[in-house]
Structures are given as C-alpha cells and as structure tokens.
Amino acid sequence: MKSVSPVYLHSIKDMNDLTGHSWHMEGLKVLIKKPEHTKPHFAHPFRTDSYWVLLVMDDCLTIQLNGEEHVVKENDLLIIPPHMVRQSDGATNTCNAACVAFTPDFLLDTGLSQRHIDLFEFLLNSRSTHLHLAADDASRFMTLILLLQEKNLSQDQHPFSADVVRHFFNVFQFELAGLYHKYSNQKKTVHDHKEEILWKFLGLLSKHIKTERSLLFYANRLYVTPKYLTQTVKKITGKTAGKYIDDLVIVEAKNLLRDPSLSIAQVADLLYFSDQFFFSKFFKRYTGITPSDYRKSV
C-alpha cells in the first residue's frame, strides 16, 4: 500500500527561519531568491496561512499546488491563495525570483481590498492564478517588491515605519490588481457558487460593517442560512464569517482611533455601539488592549 506524505502547516512566521530577518509587519514577508542564494526546499507537502505572490525574473521554478505541477518561468507571475497544498524542491540555481507572502488578516487590516472589492475579487479565488508578463512590466513589479522588502525590514526604524509599509503594500496591491486585469485578457473572473457567496459577503461587509454586526443580517441578504454562510466562508478562507465581521469592526475601530480629533466615545458612536463601555470591552477582547492604550501606541 502506497504511503501518503503528511501535509504540514507552516505559518508566515516560519519564513523568518528562512531569511534570518525580522520584519515590521508580522503578517507580511518578502523573500528574494537570487542565483547566489542557497535555495530553500519545501520537499514535503504543506499548507500555509498566507497568500503567495511569486514573480520569476530569470530561469524557472517548479511548484505543485494541490498535486498539480506548475512551472513558473521567466516573467511569470503566480498568485497562490491560502490553504492550497504546496510542494516544491525549490528553484534552479540560476533562478532570480521573489515571493511576497501576506496573511488574510494583514490584507484585511489595510482595508484596501474591502473598499475596492471589484478590483480585488481575484484574491477570492480558491484556485491559483498564473500570468505571463511583458518583460518591462515584470521588471517594474520586481522593483516595487524590492522596495517593499526594504521598507518592511525592521532595522529601518522611525516613528512612521509601519505606516510607510502599509502605504507601500497598498501600492503593491494596486499594481498586482492592474497586472491581473491587464493579463487575464479582461475576462470576468468565473466563481463557483461558494466563491460567489464569499465575494458578495465581503462586498456587503464593506458597505454595512459600521452599522451591522449580525451574521443573520448578512445571511438574509445572501438568501442563505447563517450556518451555510459560516461553513462556506470558512471552507474557502479558513476563517468563519463571524470572525470576518469581528475583524473588520476592529479594522474600522483602529482607523477611527488613529484620528486624534475623535474621542473614544465618538468612535463608539460612529460604530453604533450602545456606549463607550461596551465598545472598549469589545475592542479589548479582540486586541488584548484598551482603545486608549491602542491610541497611545500609534
């Protein structure tokens, strides 16, 4: 009887072990593979909690995704969603490539994909996306990735380092969306039924999150049961619909708390909490700190 290799789980934090670097943002890592670098091996099947955006500039690398082999060649871009089973013996010795890895939570925290859900619906695919870029587009995108890596390295310290990284990542997101829409031949993304529900759910969240935190509200808008909505979202993303709601409320709260002109009571009111006490209790339960302490830290 043929033995089946176990599927390991690697978190994005495991990338620190590959690079020896520390980063400003725990949910964002940028790896650069140059010909002179020893290639990291992922010979065993594994899942990870992050998106991977792979760009190859020279030569090629081979990776298996859910058992299907992908050869990523010069000027190829491969977008891999979280939780796909990956396996690779690495890249050729002469390969020059980059991998930008980011978690769904980090993506959510930037807020950009929520505000422009139509531009970023390709990130909701449960399948990978493989594009071949023109050489000049690939070169410009690699330049941006190198800048993103530089800004995310923790030795570049100043009071606004985290904000700089967020803004660079937003630029990266727009460039990635631009390349996707340019090289996918402008075809509308074809979602299966579950992906369509996820896409519509996130669209509703972006419109109603300040006023509606009930799972039932979103399920009713999508004509499904709360249980089905939760199971569908979790199957594709690994996170429940309720967790998405709570996380996005925290994102909105953090954005408002960064505005010094707003009192905490006003923030609570803008997010439709009954009073400041319940808002503070909610915020601390999900972040571990009070709104006042968060405001002092930013």
C-alpha atoms as a PDB file:
ATOM      1  CA  MET A   1       0.000   0.000   0.000  1.00  0.00           C
ATOM      2  CA  LYS A   2       1.427   3.370  -1.038  1.00  0.00           C
ATOM      3  CA  SER A   3       2.180   5.665   1.882  1.00  0.00           C
ATOM      4  CA  VAL A   4       0.738   9.169   1.874  1.00  0.00           C
ATOM      5  CA  SER A   5       3.016  12.026   2.848  1.00  0.00           C
ATOM      6  CA  PRO A   6       1.662  14.094   5.734  1.00  0.00           C
ATOM      7  CA  VAL A   7       0.642  17.667   4.960  1.00  0.00           C
ATOM      8  CA  TYR A   8       2.418  20.092   7.282  1.00  0.00           C
ATOM      9  CA  LEU A   9       1.201  23.539   8.284  1.00  0.00           C
ATOM     10  CA  HIS A  10       3.658  26.436   8.012  1.00  0.00           C
ATOM     11  CA  SER A  11       2.709  29.858   9.329  1.00  0.00           C
ATOM     12  CA  ILE A  12       4.033  33.032   7.788  1.00  0.00           C
ATOM     13  CA  LYS A  13       6.281  33.383  10.840  1.00  0.00           C
ATOM     14  CA  ASP A  14       8.221  30.328   9.667  1.00  0.00           C
ATOM     15  CA  MET A  15       9.644  32.493   6.881  1.00  0.00           C
ATOM     16  CA  ASN A  16      11.782  34.220   9.500  1.00  0.00           C
ATOM     17  CA  ASP A  17      13.690  30.963   9.831  1.00  0.00           C
ATOM     18  CA  LEU A  18      14.480  31.001   6.108  1.00  0.00           C
ATOM     19  CA  THR A  19      15.791  34.557   5.999  1.00  0.00           C
ATOM     20  CA  GLY A  20      17.099  35.348   9.442  1.00  0.00           C
ATOM     21  CA  HIS A  21      15.382  38.734   9.079  1.00  0.00           C
ATOM     22  CA  SER A  22      12.899  40.367  11.394  1.00  0.00           C
ATOM     23  CA  TRP A  23      10.105  42.469   9.936  1.00  0.00           C
ATOM     24  CA  HIS A  24       7.965  45.459  10.843  1.00  0.00           C
ATOM     25  CA  MET A  25       4.745  43.659   9.933  1.00  0.00           C
ATOM     26  CA  GLU A  26       4.161  40.134  11.209  1.00  0.00           C
ATOM     27  CA  GLY A  27       1.578  39.482   8.503  1.00  0.00           C
ATOM     28  CA  LEU A  28       3.858  40.465   5.611  1.00  0.00           C
ATOM     29  CA  LYS A  29       7.084  38.832   4.418  1.00  0.00           C
ATOM     30  CA  VAL A  30       9.110  39.379   1.246  1.00  0.00           C
ATOM     31  CA  LEU A  31      11.629  36.754   0.119  1.00  0.00           C
ATOM     32  CA  ILE A  32      14.078  37.365  -2.711  1.00  0.00           C
ATOM     33  CA  LYS A  33      15.800  34.400  -4.389  1.00  0.00           C
ATOM     34  CA  LYS A  34      18.942  35.342  -6.310  1.00  0.00           C
ATOM     35  CA  PRO A  35      21.258  32.962  -8.191  1.00  0.00           C
ATOM     36  CA  GLU A  36      23.911  33.164  -5.479  1.00  0.00           C
ATOM     37  CA  HIS A  37      21.477  32.209  -2.712  1.00  0.00           C
ATOM     38  CA  THR A  38      21.081  28.689  -1.420  1.00  0.00           C
ATOM     39  CA  LYS A  39      17.628  27.595  -2.433  1.00  0.00           C
ATOM     40  CA  PRO A  40      15.146  26.755   0.334  1.00  0.00           C
ATOM     41  CA  HIS A  41      13.478  23.358  -0.065  1.00  0.00           C
ATOM     42  CA  PHE A  42       9.833  22.586   0.581  1.00  0.00           C
ATOM     43  CA  ALA A  43      10.047  18.960  -0.486  1.00  0.00           C
ATOM     44  CA  HIS A  44       7.218  17.930   1.838  1.00  0.00           C
ATOM     45  CA  PRO A  45       3.583  18.902   1.160  1.00  0.00           C
ATOM     46  CA  PHE A  46       2.420  21.804   3.310  1.00  0.00           C
ATOM     47  CA  ARG A  47      -0.262  24.417   3.755  1.00  0.00           C
ATOM     48  CA  THR A  48       0.277  27.973   4.883  1.00  0.00           C
ATOM     49  CA  ASP A  49      -1.900  30.723   6.313  1.00  0.00           C
ATOM     50  CA  SER A  50      -0.811  33.276   3.719  1.00  0.00           C
ATOM     51  CA  TYR A  51      -1.228  34.347   0.129  1.00  0.00           C
ATOM     52  CA  TRP A  52       1.893  33.939  -2.002  1.00  0.00           C
ATOM     53  CA  VAL A  53       2.647  36.160  -4.976  1.00  0.00           C
ATOM     54  CA  LEU A  54       5.571  34.619  -6.879  1.00  0.00           C
ATOM     55  CA  LEU A  55       7.440  36.507  -9.598  1.00  0.00           C
ATOM     56  CA  VAL A  56      10.241  34.864 -11.586  1.00  0.00           C
ATOM     57  CA  MET A  57      12.693  37.133 -13.435  1.00  0.00           C
ATOM     58  CA  ASP A  58      15.219  34.573 -14.736  1.00  0.00           C
ATOM     59  CA  ASP A  59      15.156  30.819 -15.310  1.00  0.00           C
ATOM     60  CA  CYS A  60      12.303  28.955 -13.586  1.00  0.00           C
ATOM     61  CA  LEU A  61      10.965  27.234 -10.503  1.00  0.00           C
ATOM     62  CA  THR A  62       8.585  24.311 -10.146  1.00  0.00           C
ATOM     63  CA  ILE A  63       5.852  24.043  -7.554  1.00  0.00           C
ATOM     64  CA  GLN A  64       2.982  21.624  -7.039  1.00  0.00           C
ATOM     65  CA  LEU A  65      -0.352  23.078  -5.946  1.00  0.00           C
ATOM     66  CA  ASN A  66      -2.933  20.576  -4.722  1.00  0.00           C
ATOM     67  CA  GLY A  67      -0.926  17.935  -6.597  1.00  0.00           C
ATOM     68  CA  GLU A  68      -0.838  19.823  -9.919  1.00  0.00           C
ATOM     69  CA  GLU A  69       2.605  20.841 -11.185  1.00  0.00           C
ATOM     70  CA  HIS A  70       3.235  24.461 -12.191  1.00  0.00           C
ATOM     71  CA  VAL A  71       6.421  25.550 -13.940  1.00  0.00           C
ATOM     72  CA  VAL A  72       6.888  29.265 -13.290  1.00  0.00           C
ATOM     73  CA  LYS A  73       9.161  30.657 -15.982  1.00  0.00           C
ATOM     74  CA  GLU A  74      10.878  33.961 -16.720  1.00  0.00           C
ATOM     75  CA  ASN A  75       8.474  36.928 -16.307  1.00  0.00           C
ATOM     76  CA  ASP A  76       5.737  34.671 -14.921  1.00  0.00           C
ATOM     77  CA  LEU A  77       3.531  35.719 -12.011  1.00  0.00           C
ATOM     78  CA  LEU A  78       1.800  33.122  -9.835  1.00  0.00           C
ATOM     79  CA  ILE A  79      -0.814  34.084  -7.210  1.00  0.00           C
ATOM     80  CA  ILE A  80      -1.489  31.339  -4.663  1.00  0.00           C
ATOM     81  CA  PRO A  81      -4.370  31.650  -2.164  1.00  0.00           C
ATOM     82  CA  PRO A  82      -4.059  30.464   1.443  1.00  0.00           C
ATOM     83  CA  HIS A  83      -4.523  26.807   2.376  1.00  0.00           C
ATOM     84  CA  MET A  84      -3.614  25.297  -1.008  1.00  0.00           C
ATOM     85  CA  VAL A  85      -1.332  22.297  -0.523  1.00  0.00           C
ATOM     86  CA  ARG A  86       2.107  23.266  -1.814  1.00  0.00           C
ATOM     87  CA  GLN A  87       5.221  21.250  -2.522  1.00  0.00           C
ATOM     88  CA  SER A  88       8.447  22.288  -4.202  1.00  0.00           C
ATOM     89  CA  ASP A  89      12.067  21.202  -4.438  1.00  0.00           C
ATOM     90  CA  GLY A  90      12.915  24.867  -4.844  1.00  0.00           C
ATOM     91  CA  ALA A  91      14.209  26.859  -7.789  1.00  0.00           C
ATOM     92  CA  THR A  92      17.094  26.258 -10.152  1.00  0.00           C
ATOM     93  CA  ASN A  93      20.466  27.571  -9.021  1.00  0.00           C
ATOM     94  CA  THR A  94      20.342  30.405 -11.562  1.00  0.00           C
ATOM     95  CA  CYS A  95      16.789  31.469 -10.701  1.00  0.00           C
ATOM     96  CA  ASN A  96      16.070  35.082  -9.760  1.00  0.00           C
ATOM     97  CA  ALA A  97      12.645  35.293  -8.127  1.00  0.00           C
ATOM     98  CA  ALA A  98      10.583  36.961  -5.415  1.00  0.00           C
ATOM     99  CA  CYS A  99       7.799  35.824  -3.117  1.00  0.00           C
ATOM    100  CA  VAL A 100       5.525  38.294  -1.343  1.00  0.00           C
ATOM    101  CA  ALA A 101       3.603  36.489   1.394  1.00  0.00           C
ATOM    102  CA  PHE A 102       0.790  38.125   3.344  1.00  0.00           C
ATOM    103  CA  THR A 103      -1.969  36.824   5.575  1.00  0.00           C
ATOM    104  CA  PRO A 104      -5.685  37.470   5.010  1.00  0.00           C
ATOM    105  CA  ASP A 105      -5.692  39.355   8.322  1.00  0.00           C
ATOM    106  CA  PHE A 106      -2.952  41.702   7.109  1.00  0.00           C
ATOM    107  CA  LEU A 107      -4.818  42.213   3.831  1.00  0.00           C
ATOM    108  CA  LEU A 108      -7.978  42.991   5.792  1.00  0.00           C
ATOM    109  CA  ASP A 109      -6.129  45.383   8.090  1.00  0.00           C
ATOM    110  CA  THR A 110      -5.060  47.581   5.167  1.00  0.00           C
ATOM    111  CA  GLY A 111      -8.728  47.988   4.220  1.00  0.00           C
ATOM    112  CA  LEU A 112      -7.933  48.499   0.546  1.00  0.00           C
ATOM    113  CA  SER A 113      -9.412  45.272  -0.808  1.00  0.00           C
ATOM    114  CA  GLN A 114     -12.617  45.954   1.144  1.00  0.00           C
ATOM    115  CA  ARG A 115     -13.031  49.458  -0.301  1.00  0.00           C
ATOM    116  CA  HIS A 116     -12.333  48.253  -3.857  1.00  0.00           C
ATOM    117  CA  ILE A 117     -13.859  44.788  -3.763  1.00  0.00           C
ATOM    118  CA  ASP A 118     -14.462  44.791  -7.531  1.00  0.00           C
ATOM    119  CA  LEU A 119     -10.745  45.257  -8.260  1.00  0.00           C
ATOM    120  CA  PHE A 120      -9.563  42.542  -5.906  1.00  0.00           C
ATOM    121  CA  GLU A 121     -12.142  39.804  -6.399  1.00  0.00           C
ATOM    122  CA  PHE A 122      -9.417  37.651  -7.995  1.00  0.00           C
ATOM    123  CA  LEU A 123      -7.958  37.239  -4.496  1.00  0.00           C
ATOM    124  CA  LEU A 124     -11.126  35.378  -3.525  1.00  0.00           C
ATOM    125  CA  ASN A 125     -10.389  32.527  -5.930  1.00  0.00           C
ATOM    126  CA  SER A 126      -9.746  29.184  -4.275  1.00  0.00           C
ATOM    127  CA  ARG A 127      -7.525  28.361  -7.264  1.00  0.00           C
ATOM    128  CA  SER A 128      -4.138  29.767  -8.235  1.00  0.00           C
ATOM    129  CA  THR A 129      -3.675  32.390 -10.963  1.00  0.00           C
ATOM    130  CA  HIS A 130      -0.765  32.052 -13.419  1.00  0.00           C
ATOM    131  CA  LEU A 131       0.083  35.016 -15.690  1.00  0.00           C
ATOM    132  CA  HIS A 132       2.899  35.725 -18.134  1.00  0.00           C
ATOM    133  CA  LEU A 133       4.014  39.378 -18.066  1.00  0.00           C
ATOM    134  CA  ALA A 134       5.848  41.534 -20.559  1.00  0.00           C
ATOM    135  CA  ALA A 135       9.478  41.968 -19.531  1.00  0.00           C
ATOM    136  CA  ASP A 136       9.136  45.679 -18.706  1.00  0.00           C
ATOM    137  CA  ASP A 137       6.055  45.082 -16.514  1.00  0.00           C
ATOM    138  CA  ALA A 138       7.819  42.252 -14.689  1.00  0.00           C
ATOM    139  CA  SER A 139      10.877  44.449 -14.133  1.00  0.00           C
ATOM    140  CA  ARG A 140       8.824  47.333 -12.718  1.00  0.00           C
ATOM    141  CA  PHE A 141       6.898  44.990 -10.439  1.00  0.00           C
ATOM    142  CA  MET A 142      10.140  43.463  -9.157  1.00  0.00           C
ATOM    143  CA  THR A 143      11.452  46.961  -8.384  1.00  0.00           C
ATOM    144  CA  LEU A 144       8.341  47.619  -6.295  1.00  0.00           C
ATOM    145  CA  ILE A 145       8.736  44.285  -4.484  1.00  0.00           C
ATOM    146  CA  LEU A 146      12.353  45.110  -3.626  1.00  0.00           C
ATOM    147  CA  LEU A 147      11.251  48.466  -2.190  1.00  0.00           C
ATOM    148  CA  LEU A 148       8.514  46.752  -0.185  1.00  0.00           C
ATOM    149  CA  GLN A 149      11.073  44.348   1.250  1.00  0.00           C
ATOM    150  CA  GLU A 150      13.428  47.200   2.133  1.00  0.00           C
ATOM    151  CA  LYS A 151      10.713  49.161   3.935  1.00  0.00           C
ATOM    152  CA  ASN A 152       9.482  46.101   5.831  1.00  0.00           C
ATOM    153  CA  LEU A 153      12.884  45.222   7.308  1.00  0.00           C
ATOM    154  CA  SER A 154      12.843  46.177  10.962  1.00  0.00           C
ATOM    155  CA  GLN A 155      16.225  47.900  11.017  1.00  0.00           C
ATOM    156  CA  ASP A 156      14.671  50.779   9.065  1.00  0.00           C
ATOM    157  CA  GLN A 157      13.164  52.297  12.220  1.00  0.00           C
ATOM    158  CA  HIS A 158      11.412  55.636  12.620  1.00  0.00           C
ATOM    159  CA  PRO A 159       8.035  56.680  14.097  1.00  0.00           C
ATOM    160  CA  PHE A 160       6.192  56.219  10.795  1.00  0.00           C
ATOM    161  CA  SER A 161       7.805  52.958   9.636  1.00  0.00           C
ATOM    162  CA  ALA A 162       4.621  50.903   9.968  1.00  0.00           C
ATOM    163  CA  ASP A 163       2.584  53.494   8.054  1.00  0.00           C
ATOM    164  CA  VAL A 164       5.188  53.552   5.282  1.00  0.00           C
ATOM    165  CA  VAL A 165       4.983  49.762   4.941  1.00  0.00           C
ATOM    166  CA  ARG A 166       1.172  49.876   4.798  1.00  0.00           C
ATOM    167  CA  HIS A 167       1.236  52.502   2.054  1.00  0.00           C
ATOM    168  CA  PHE A 168       3.841  50.582   0.041  1.00  0.00           C
ATOM    169  CA  PHE A 169       1.732  47.453   0.403  1.00  0.00           C
ATOM    170  CA  ASN A 170      -1.321  49.344  -0.857  1.00  0.00           C
ATOM    171  CA  VAL A 171       0.689  50.386  -3.921  1.00  0.00           C
ATOM    172  CA  PHE A 172       1.717  46.739  -4.337  1.00  0.00           C
ATOM    173  CA  GLN A 173      -1.958  45.690  -4.194  1.00  0.00           C
ATOM    174  CA  PHE A 174      -2.992  48.189  -6.865  1.00  0.00           C
ATOM    175  CA  GLU A 175      -0.105  47.151  -9.126  1.00  0.00           C
ATOM    176  CA  LEU A 176      -0.984  43.482  -8.640  1.00  0.00           C
ATOM    177  CA  ALA A 177      -4.629  44.186  -9.483  1.00  0.00           C
ATOM    178  CA  GLY A 178      -3.540  46.185 -12.528  1.00  0.00           C
ATOM    179  CA  LEU A 179      -1.370  43.332 -13.797  1.00  0.00           C
ATOM    180  CA  TYR A 180      -4.117  40.821 -13.189  1.00  0.00           C
ATOM    181  CA  HIS A 181      -6.709  42.804 -15.131  1.00  0.00           C
ATOM    182  CA  LYS A 182      -4.216  43.543 -17.921  1.00  0.00           C
ATOM    183  CA  TYR A 183      -3.007  39.982 -18.429  1.00  0.00           C
ATOM    184  CA  SER A 184      -6.137  37.988 -17.694  1.00  0.00           C
ATOM    185  CA  ASN A 185      -7.441  39.203 -21.081  1.00  0.00           C
ATOM    186  CA  GLN A 186     -10.095  41.277 -19.297  1.00  0.00           C
ATOM    187  CA  LYS A 187     -12.197  38.157 -18.776  1.00  0.00           C
ATOM    188  CA  LYS A 188     -14.537  38.328 -15.845  1.00  0.00           C
ATOM    189  CA  THR A 189     -13.431  36.054 -13.054  1.00  0.00           C
ATOM    190  CA  VAL A 190     -15.566  32.920 -13.021  1.00  0.00           C
ATOM    191  CA  HIS A 191     -16.505  31.997  -9.457  1.00  0.00           C
ATOM    192  CA  ASP A 192     -18.195  28.823  -8.368  1.00  0.00           C
ATOM    193  CA  HIS A 193     -21.263  29.216  -6.161  1.00  0.00           C
ATOM    194  CA  LYS A 194     -19.342  29.265  -2.889  1.00  0.00           C
ATOM    195  CA  GLU A 195     -16.808  31.822  -4.168  1.00  0.00           C
ATOM    196  CA  GLU A 196     -19.689  33.986  -5.392  1.00  0.00           C
ATOM    197  CA  ILE A 197     -21.226  33.944  -1.908  1.00  0.00           C
ATOM    198  CA  LEU A 198     -17.870  34.888  -0.363  1.00  0.00           C
ATOM    199  CA  TRP A 199     -17.387  37.756  -2.831  1.00  0.00           C
ATOM    200  CA  LYS A 200     -20.899  39.114  -2.186  1.00  0.00           C
ATOM    201  CA  PHE A 201     -20.473  38.695   1.578  1.00  0.00           C
ATOM    202  CA  LEU A 202     -17.269  40.749   1.580  1.00  0.00           C
ATOM    203  CA  GLY A 203     -18.944  43.366  -0.593  1.00  0.00           C
ATOM    204  CA  LEU A 204     -21.815  43.646   1.893  1.00  0.00           C
ATOM    205  CA  LEU A 205     -19.330  43.866   4.759  1.00  0.00           C
ATOM    206  CA  SER A 206     -17.549  46.810   3.180  1.00  0.00           C
ATOM    207  CA  LYS A 207     -20.867  48.694   2.915  1.00  0.00           C
ATOM    208  CA  HIS A 208     -22.547  47.830   6.202  1.00  0.00           C
ATOM    209  CA  ILE A 209     -19.855  46.959   8.743  1.00  0.00           C
ATOM    210  CA  LYS A 210     -20.259  50.195  10.711  1.00  0.00           C
ATOM    211  CA  THR A 211     -23.952  49.605  11.289  1.00  0.00           C
ATOM    212  CA  GLU A 212     -24.486  45.829  11.080  1.00  0.00           C
ATOM    213  CA  ARG A 213     -22.567  43.193  13.050  1.00  0.00           C
ATOM    214  CA  SER A 214     -25.169  40.432  12.973  1.00  0.00           C
ATOM    215  CA  LEU A 215     -24.359  37.287  10.998  1.00  0.00           C
ATOM    216  CA  LEU A 216     -28.090  36.879  10.392  1.00  0.00           C
ATOM    217  CA  PHE A 217     -28.226  40.246   8.585  1.00  0.00           C
ATOM    218  CA  TYR A 218     -25.623  39.162   6.021  1.00  0.00           C
ATOM    219  CA  ALA A 219     -27.059  35.662   5.641  1.00  0.00           C
ATOM    220  CA  ASN A 220     -30.513  37.104   4.935  1.00  0.00           C
ATOM    221  CA  ARG A 221     -29.081  39.481   2.332  1.00  0.00           C
ATOM    222  CA  LEU A 222     -27.457  36.489   0.614  1.00  0.00           C
ATOM    223  CA  TYR A 223     -30.560  34.258   0.931  1.00  0.00           C
ATOM    224  CA  VAL A 224     -28.668  31.562   2.843  1.00  0.00           C
ATOM    225  CA  THR A 225     -28.695  30.355   6.431  1.00  0.00           C
ATOM    226  CA  PRO A 226     -26.103  31.674   8.897  1.00  0.00           C
ATOM    227  CA  LYS A 227     -24.723  28.133   9.218  1.00  0.00           C
ATOM    228  CA  TYR A 228     -24.259  27.790   5.457  1.00  0.00           C
ATOM    229  CA  LEU A 229     -22.622  31.211   5.217  1.00  0.00           C
ATOM    230  CA  THR A 230     -20.194  30.367   8.019  1.00  0.00           C
ATOM    231  CA  GLN A 231     -19.301  26.980   6.505  1.00  0.00           C
ATOM    232  CA  THR A 232     -18.847  28.449   3.024  1.00  0.00           C
ATOM    233  CA  VAL A 233     -16.594  31.296   4.110  1.00  0.00           C
ATOM    234  CA  LYS A 234     -14.510  29.006   6.314  1.00  0.00           C
ATOM    235  CA  LYS A 235     -14.047  26.397   3.583  1.00  0.00           C
ATOM    236  CA  ILE A 236     -12.555  28.965   1.193  1.00  0.00           C
ATOM    237  CA  THR A 237     -10.656  31.219   3.581  1.00  0.00           C
ATOM    238  CA  GLY A 238     -10.098  29.157   6.723  1.00  0.00           C
ATOM    239  CA  LYS A 239     -11.918  31.811   8.749  1.00  0.00           C
ATOM    240  CA  THR A 240     -15.591  31.948   9.744  1.00  0.00           C
ATOM    241  CA  ALA A 241     -17.980  34.663   8.600  1.00  0.00           C
ATOM    242  CA  GLY A 242     -18.363  35.815  12.203  1.00  0.00           C
ATOM    243  CA  LYS A 243     -14.600  36.197  12.523  1.00  0.00           C
ATOM    244  CA  TYR A 244     -14.567  38.323   9.347  1.00  0.00           C
ATOM    245  CA  ILE A 245     -17.237  40.574  10.847  1.00  0.00           C
ATOM    246  CA  ASP A 246     -15.369  40.994  14.133  1.00  0.00           C
ATOM    247  CA  ASP A 247     -12.024  41.542  12.395  1.00  0.00           C
ATOM    248  CA  LEU A 248     -13.421  44.216  10.112  1.00  0.00           C
ATOM    249  CA  VAL A 249     -15.058  46.029  13.037  1.00  0.00           C
ATOM    250  CA  ILE A 250     -11.620  46.111  14.686  1.00  0.00           C
ATOM    251  CA  VAL A 251     -10.066  47.437  11.463  1.00  0.00           C
ATOM    252  CA  GLU A 252     -12.652  50.237  11.329  1.00  0.00           C
ATOM    253  CA  ALA A 253     -12.127  50.961  15.030  1.00  0.00           C
ATOM    254  CA  LYS A 254      -8.354  51.194  14.622  1.00  0.00           C
ATOM    255  CA  ASN A 255      -8.719  53.543  11.665  1.00  0.00           C
ATOM    256  CA  LEU A 256     -11.011  55.831  13.664  1.00  0.00           C
ATOM    257  CA  LEU A 257      -8.792  55.689  16.758  1.00  0.00           C
ATOM    258  CA  ARG A 258      -5.878  56.944  14.665  1.00  0.00           C
ATOM    259  CA  ASP A 259      -7.810  60.201  14.246  1.00  0.00           C
ATOM    260  CA  PRO A 260      -6.900  62.315  17.310  1.00  0.00           C
ATOM    261  CA  SER A 261      -9.837  64.650  16.728  1.00  0.00           C
ATOM    262  CA  LEU A 262     -12.288  61.888  17.701  1.00  0.00           C
ATOM    263  CA  SER A 263     -12.916  60.946  21.313  1.00  0.00           C
ATOM    264  CA  ILE A 264     -13.288  57.267  22.176  1.00  0.00           C
ATOM    265  CA  ALA A 265     -16.961  57.902  22.901  1.00  0.00           C
ATOM    266  CA  GLN A 266     -17.349  59.349  19.387  1.00  0.00           C
ATOM    267  CA  VAL A 267     -15.611  56.314  17.873  1.00  0.00           C
ATOM    268  CA  ALA A 268     -18.015  54.044  19.758  1.00  0.00           C
ATOM    269  CA  ASP A 269     -20.940  56.099  18.467  1.00  0.00           C
ATOM    270  CA  LEU A 270     -19.700  56.005  14.856  1.00  0.00           C
ATOM    271  CA  LEU A 271     -19.514  52.215  15.075  1.00  0.00           C
ATOM    272  CA  TYR A 272     -23.034  52.014  16.550  1.00  0.00           C
ATOM    273  CA  PHE A 273     -22.016  50.596  19.922  1.00  0.00           C
ATOM    274  CA  SER A 274     -24.510  51.389  22.672  1.00  0.00           C
ATOM    275  CA  ASP A 275     -21.867  53.207  24.698  1.00  0.00           C
ATOM    276  CA  GLN A 276     -18.126  53.604  25.235  1.00  0.00           C
ATOM    277  CA  PHE A 277     -18.012  50.832  27.860  1.00  0.00           C
ATOM    278  CA  PHE A 278     -19.278  48.119  25.503  1.00  0.00           C
ATOM    279  CA  PHE A 279     -17.026  49.342  22.703  1.00  0.00           C
ATOM    280  CA  SER A 280     -13.962  49.267  24.969  1.00  0.00           C
ATOM    281  CA  LYS A 281     -14.870  45.790  26.207  1.00  0.00           C
ATOM    282  CA  PHE A 282     -15.279  44.522  22.626  1.00  0.00           C
ATOM    283  CA  PHE A 283     -12.030  46.125  21.482  1.00  0.00           C
ATOM    284  CA  LYS A 284     -10.001  44.710  24.367  1.00  0.00           C
ATOM    285  CA  ARG A 285     -11.452  41.231  23.917  1.00  0.00           C
ATOM    286  CA  TYR A 286     -10.172  41.067  20.333  1.00  0.00           C
ATOM    287  CA  THR A 287      -6.931  43.038  20.608  1.00  0.00           C
ATOM    288  CA  GLY A 288      -5.819  42.489  24.189  1.00  0.00           C
ATOM    289  CA  ILE A 289      -5.544  46.235  24.863  1.00  0.00           C
ATOM    290  CA  THR A 290      -7.965  49.074  25.533  1.00  0.00           C
ATOM    291  CA  PRO A 291      -8.792  51.704  22.898  1.00  0.00           C
ATOM    292  CA  SER A 292      -6.872  54.259  24.987  1.00  0.00           C
ATOM    293  CA  ASP A 293      -3.762  52.078  25.058  1.00  0.00           C
ATOM    294  CA  TYR A 294      -4.036  51.431  21.322  1.00  0.00           C
ATOM    295  CA  ARG A 295      -4.292  55.155  20.640  1.00  0.00           C
ATOM    296  CA  LYS A 296      -1.132  55.760  22.694  1.00  0.00           C
ATOM    297  CA  SER A 297       0.754  53.110  20.706  1.00  0.00           C
ATOM    298  CA  VAL A 298       0.160  54.608  17.249  1.00  0.00           C
END
